[in-house]
């Protein structure tokens, strides 16, 4: 049980801490277009992101993939830019398809974000097959941290939309615009070339 707690905490704190601004912004950009009633759809999106994250971590542990840290940090900022920018085009809030494109974007972007955590995880755990179980524990912590943060965003959205009566479209535009601006600044300061 000691290993579970250690690696669960490692994954959870990777998401829920002030140094995880890029993860927080990404999760906020994803969650903004949804409401509490859409929690199942949002759960699938967050889990798709975690699966992508886990795949990259596994590939790093087994020394299959490695990218320079400066490129990873830049690409993470780009994923936030793309996600927040895509929110600007959401006009209808009815998602009829069973697997909307956002699921696949979340999976793909999870691959990129996972590379950022891979360096930290490999430094602690090392590489090889013995790390697989600890990787699972860390990913459970990552998922829990993301779900906690997404729940907070959903609550804040509920307050803004249902109690303060903000226009849903304007709320998404304003908040996504702010996230876009922060992510753009991140990308510029993280330029790898």
Protein backbone atom coordinates (compact mmCIF):
# COMPACT_ATOMS: atom_id res chain seq x y z
CA UNK A 1 0.00 0.00 0.00
CA UNK A 2 2.97 2.33 0.61
CA UNK A 3 3.89 2.38 -3.08
CA UNK A 4 0.30 3.08 -4.08
CA UNK A 5 0.12 6.14 -1.81
CA UNK A 6 3.55 7.40 -2.90
CA UNK A 7 2.84 7.20 -6.62
CA UNK A 8 -0.82 8.20 -6.34
CA UNK A 9 0.37 11.35 -4.53
CA UNK A 10 3.03 11.92 -7.17
CA UNK A 11 0.41 11.79 -9.94
CA UNK A 12 -2.14 13.81 -7.99
CA UNK A 13 0.37 16.54 -7.12
CA UNK A 14 1.52 16.64 -10.73
CA UNK A 15 -1.95 18.06 -11.51
CA UNK A 16 -3.00 19.80 -8.30
CA UNK A 17 -0.25 22.30 -7.54
CA UNK A 18 0.64 25.84 -8.50
CA UNK A 19 3.46 24.61 -10.73
CA UNK A 20 0.95 22.70 -12.87
CA UNK A 21 -0.52 25.81 -14.46
CA UNK A 22 -0.29 24.28 -17.93
CA UNK A 23 -2.34 21.23 -16.87
CA UNK A 24 -4.82 23.41 -15.02
CA UNK A 25 -5.31 25.69 -18.03
CA UNK A 26 -5.71 22.72 -20.35
CA UNK A 27 -8.30 21.06 -18.12
CA UNK A 28 -10.16 24.37 -17.74
CA UNK A 29 -10.20 24.89 -21.52
CA UNK A 30 -11.59 21.38 -21.98
CA UNK A 31 -14.22 21.70 -19.24
CA UNK A 32 -15.53 25.16 -20.12
CA UNK A 33 -17.83 24.02 -22.88
CA UNK A 34 -19.60 21.54 -20.60
CA UNK A 35 -22.00 21.80 -17.67
CA UNK A 36 -22.67 19.55 -14.68
CA UNK A 37 -25.30 17.66 -16.64
CA UNK A 38 -22.57 16.71 -19.17
CA UNK A 39 -20.33 15.09 -16.55
CA UNK A 40 -20.29 11.69 -18.30
CA UNK A 41 -18.99 13.20 -21.54
CA UNK A 42 -16.41 15.16 -19.64
CA UNK A 43 -15.34 12.04 -17.73
CA UNK A 44 -14.66 10.30 -21.06
CA UNK A 45 -12.61 13.27 -22.27
CA UNK A 46 -10.53 13.43 -19.09
CA UNK A 47 -9.99 9.67 -19.17
CA UNK A 48 -8.95 9.83 -22.84
CA UNK A 49 -6.41 12.49 -21.87
CA UNK A 50 -5.14 10.30 -19.00
CA UNK A 51 -4.82 7.31 -21.34
CA UNK A 52 -2.70 9.38 -23.73
CA UNK A 53 -0.67 10.61 -20.77
CA UNK A 54 -0.16 7.01 -19.57
CA UNK A 55 0.91 5.78 -23.01
CA UNK A 56 3.65 8.40 -23.23
CA UNK A 57 4.79 7.66 -19.69
CA UNK A 58 5.02 3.95 -20.50
CA UNK A 59 6.97 4.66 -23.69
CA UNK A 60 9.39 6.84 -21.72
CA UNK A 61 9.83 4.23 -18.98
CA UNK A 62 10.76 1.62 -21.58
CA UNK A 63 13.08 4.08 -23.37
CA UNK A 64 11.02 4.00 -26.56
CA UNK A 65 10.36 7.73 -26.85
CA UNK A 66 12.23 10.80 -25.71
CA UNK A 67 11.89 14.44 -26.72
CA UNK A 68 13.94 17.38 -25.49
CA UNK A 69 12.28 19.10 -22.52
CA UNK A 70 12.22 22.50 -24.25
CA UNK A 71 10.15 21.07 -27.13
CA UNK A 72 7.80 19.28 -24.75
CA UNK A 73 7.11 22.45 -22.75
CA UNK A 74 6.50 24.40 -25.96
CA UNK A 75 4.13 21.75 -27.36
CA UNK A 76 2.19 21.63 -24.09
CA UNK A 77 1.54 25.37 -24.41
CA UNK A 78 0.45 24.81 -28.03
CA UNK A 79 -2.13 22.21 -26.91
CA UNK A 80 -3.64 24.80 -24.56
CA UNK A 81 -3.73 27.38 -27.35
CA UNK A 82 -5.49 24.98 -29.71
CA UNK A 83 -8.01 23.83 -27.10
CA UNK A 84 -8.91 27.33 -25.89
CA UNK A 85 -9.05 28.61 -29.47
CA UNK A 86 -11.42 25.79 -30.46
CA UNK A 87 -13.80 26.94 -27.71
CA UNK A 88 -14.25 30.23 -29.56
CA UNK A 89 -16.12 28.37 -32.30
CA UNK A 90 -18.56 26.49 -30.06
CA UNK A 91 -21.98 27.92 -30.86
CA UNK A 92 -24.30 25.02 -30.20
CA UNK A 93 -24.08 23.24 -26.89
CA UNK A 94 -25.67 19.97 -27.97
CA UNK A 95 -23.17 17.20 -28.60
CA UNK A 96 -24.99 14.53 -30.58
CA UNK A 97 -22.18 12.32 -31.81
CA UNK A 98 -21.15 9.41 -29.65
CA UNK A 99 -17.43 10.15 -30.05
CA UNK A 100 -16.94 13.82 -30.86
CA UNK A 101 -13.51 14.93 -32.14
CA UNK A 102 -12.65 16.40 -28.72
CA UNK A 103 -12.20 12.84 -27.39
CA UNK A 104 -9.46 12.16 -29.91
CA UNK A 105 -7.85 15.55 -29.39
CA UNK A 106 -7.78 14.87 -25.65
CA UNK A 107 -6.10 11.50 -26.24
CA UNK A 108 -3.52 13.02 -28.60
CA UNK A 109 -2.84 16.01 -26.36
CA UNK A 110 -2.49 13.62 -23.42
CA UNK A 111 0.41 12.03 -25.29
CA UNK A 112 2.15 15.41 -25.41
CA UNK A 113 1.43 16.31 -21.78
CA UNK A 114 2.61 12.87 -20.67
CA UNK A 115 6.07 13.61 -22.03
CA UNK A 116 6.31 16.49 -19.57
CA UNK A 117 5.69 14.18 -16.61
CA UNK A 118 7.81 11.36 -18.03
CA UNK A 119 11.09 13.09 -17.20
CA UNK A 120 10.03 13.57 -13.57
CA UNK A 121 8.66 10.03 -13.26
CA UNK A 122 11.71 8.35 -14.81
CA UNK A 123 14.02 10.38 -12.53
CA UNK A 124 12.20 8.96 -9.49
CA UNK A 125 11.32 5.49 -10.70
CA UNK A 126 13.88 4.65 -13.35
CA UNK A 127 12.98 2.52 -16.33
CA UNK A 128 11.94 -1.05 -16.99
CA UNK A 129 9.17 -3.47 -16.19
CA UNK A 130 9.26 -2.94 -12.40
CA UNK A 131 7.98 0.59 -12.95
CA UNK A 132 4.71 -0.54 -14.61
CA UNK A 133 2.65 -0.94 -11.43
CA UNK A 134 3.90 2.35 -10.01
CA UNK A 135 3.01 3.95 -13.34
CA UNK A 136 -0.55 2.69 -12.90
CA UNK A 137 -0.70 4.19 -9.40
CA UNK A 138 0.61 7.53 -10.67
CA UNK A 139 -1.96 7.59 -13.45
CA UNK A 140 -4.76 6.94 -10.99
CA UNK A 141 -3.50 9.98 -9.06
CA UNK A 142 -3.35 12.02 -12.27
CA UNK A 143 -6.92 11.05 -13.14
CA UNK A 144 -8.13 11.92 -9.63
CA UNK A 145 -6.40 15.31 -9.75
CA UNK A 146 -7.84 16.11 -13.17
CA UNK A 147 -11.35 15.08 -12.13
CA UNK A 148 -11.10 17.23 -9.01
CA UNK A 149 -10.06 20.25 -11.02
CA UNK A 150 -12.69 19.64 -13.72
CA UNK A 151 -15.34 19.38 -10.99
CA UNK A 152 -14.19 22.77 -9.64
CA UNK A 153 -14.48 24.28 -13.13
CA UNK A 154 -17.98 22.80 -13.50
CA UNK A 155 -19.03 24.28 -10.15
CA UNK A 156 -17.62 27.70 -11.09
CA UNK A 157 -19.40 27.49 -14.44
CA UNK A 158 -22.63 26.56 -12.70
CA UNK A 159 -22.31 29.61 -10.43
CA UNK A 160 -21.52 31.95 -13.32
CA UNK A 161 -24.21 30.61 -15.65
CA UNK A 162 -27.06 29.73 -13.29
CA UNK A 163 -26.66 32.04 -10.32
CA UNK A 164 -24.92 35.08 -11.80
CA UNK A 165 -26.78 34.55 -15.11
CA UNK A 166 -23.84 35.13 -17.45
CA UNK A 167 -24.46 34.34 -21.09
CA UNK A 168 -22.99 30.89 -21.73
CA UNK A 169 -21.48 31.95 -25.06
CA UNK A 170 -19.91 35.11 -23.59
CA UNK A 171 -18.65 33.21 -20.55
CA UNK A 172 -16.88 30.66 -22.77
CA UNK A 173 -15.51 33.38 -25.06
CA UNK A 174 -14.16 35.48 -22.20
CA UNK A 175 -12.65 32.61 -20.21
CA UNK A 176 -11.23 30.83 -23.26
CA UNK A 177 -9.79 34.13 -24.47
CA UNK A 178 -8.02 34.60 -21.13
CA UNK A 179 -6.67 31.03 -21.24
CA UNK A 180 -5.58 31.56 -24.85
CA UNK A 181 -3.68 34.71 -23.89
CA UNK A 182 -1.86 33.04 -21.00
CA UNK A 183 -1.02 30.00 -23.16
CA UNK A 184 0.23 32.19 -26.00
CA UNK A 185 2.58 33.95 -23.60
CA UNK A 186 3.73 30.54 -22.32
CA UNK A 187 4.39 29.36 -25.87
CA UNK A 188 6.38 32.47 -26.74
CA UNK A 189 8.53 32.24 -23.61
CA UNK A 190 9.05 28.50 -24.24
CA UNK A 191 10.06 28.77 -27.90
CA UNK A 192 12.56 25.93 -28.42
CA UNK A 193 14.41 27.62 -31.27
